[in-house]
């Protein structure tokens, strides 16, 4: 197989979707990085991706939430 055929093959290959859940072990605002590495027999170099994840806690009063729910239902 020549180099051009190999490049066409990689362009025709579809991306795959990987889903994951992130569990935060600490209370409050948290920020971090999830690093994913895919090893497969058909990959000469493992595919890698990094995703920045964060959780921000914003206080919300119950009165404001109830008022918003009543306002939208009118």
Protein backbone atom coordinates (compact mmCIF):
# COMPACT_ATOMS: atom_id res chain seq x y z
CA UNK A 1 0.00 0.00 0.00
CA UNK A 2 1.46 3.38 -0.92
CA UNK A 3 1.35 6.50 1.27
CA UNK A 4 -1.60 8.04 -0.57
CA UNK A 5 -3.82 5.01 -0.02
CA UNK A 6 -2.98 5.09 3.69
CA UNK A 7 -3.95 8.76 3.94
CA UNK A 8 -7.27 8.14 2.18
CA UNK A 9 -8.01 5.32 4.57
CA UNK A 10 -7.44 7.56 7.60
CA UNK A 11 -9.68 10.28 6.11
CA UNK A 12 -12.49 7.78 5.57
CA UNK A 13 -12.28 6.41 9.11
CA UNK A 14 -15.08 7.76 11.34
CA UNK A 15 -14.49 9.12 14.82
CA UNK A 16 -15.89 7.12 17.69
CA UNK A 17 -17.76 8.59 20.64
CA UNK A 18 -16.75 7.64 24.18
CA UNK A 19 -18.99 8.62 27.08
CA UNK A 20 -17.81 8.93 30.66
CA UNK A 21 -19.05 10.19 34.01
CA UNK A 22 -17.00 12.39 36.29
CA UNK A 23 -17.48 12.05 40.04
CA UNK A 24 -16.20 14.91 42.18
CA UNK A 25 -14.97 13.72 45.56
CA UNK A 26 -14.78 17.14 47.18
CA UNK A 27 -17.47 19.67 48.03
CA UNK A 28 -17.42 23.13 46.48
CA UNK A 29 -15.89 24.36 43.25
CA UNK A 30 -13.64 21.84 41.52
CA UNK A 31 -11.62 21.91 38.29
CA UNK A 32 -9.48 19.21 36.70
CA UNK A 33 -8.51 17.32 33.57
CA UNK A 34 -9.70 13.94 32.34
CA UNK A 35 -7.10 12.27 30.15
CA UNK A 36 -8.16 9.44 27.87
CA UNK A 37 -5.79 7.14 25.99
CA UNK A 38 -7.06 4.55 23.50
CA UNK A 39 -4.84 1.54 22.81
CA UNK A 40 -5.83 -0.71 19.92
CA UNK A 41 -4.13 -3.30 17.76
CA UNK A 42 -4.76 -1.21 14.63
CA UNK A 43 -3.15 1.95 16.09
CA UNK A 44 0.61 2.37 15.87
CA UNK A 45 0.42 5.33 18.28
CA UNK A 46 -2.28 5.42 20.99
CA UNK A 47 -4.89 8.15 20.48
CA UNK A 48 -5.02 10.65 23.31
CA UNK A 49 -7.44 13.39 24.35
CA UNK A 50 -7.71 15.71 27.34
CA UNK A 51 -10.96 17.27 28.52
CA UNK A 52 -11.12 20.04 31.10
CA UNK A 53 -13.96 19.49 33.57
CA UNK A 54 -15.22 21.78 36.27
CA UNK A 55 -18.07 22.18 38.69
CA UNK A 56 -19.11 25.53 40.09
CA UNK A 57 -21.60 25.75 42.95
CA UNK A 58 -24.00 28.68 42.75
CA UNK A 59 -26.33 29.27 45.70
CA UNK A 60 -30.01 29.47 44.78
CA UNK A 61 -32.71 30.42 47.24
CA UNK A 62 -35.83 28.25 47.27
CA UNK A 63 -38.06 31.33 47.20
CA UNK A 64 -36.46 32.50 43.94
CA UNK A 65 -36.84 29.03 42.43
CA UNK A 66 -40.52 28.75 43.45
CA UNK A 67 -41.27 32.27 42.17
CA UNK A 68 -39.64 31.47 38.82
CA UNK A 69 -41.71 28.29 38.51
CA UNK A 70 -44.95 30.21 39.25
CA UNK A 71 -44.03 33.02 36.85
CA UNK A 72 -43.43 30.63 33.95
CA UNK A 73 -46.66 28.69 34.50
CA UNK A 74 -48.89 31.82 34.37
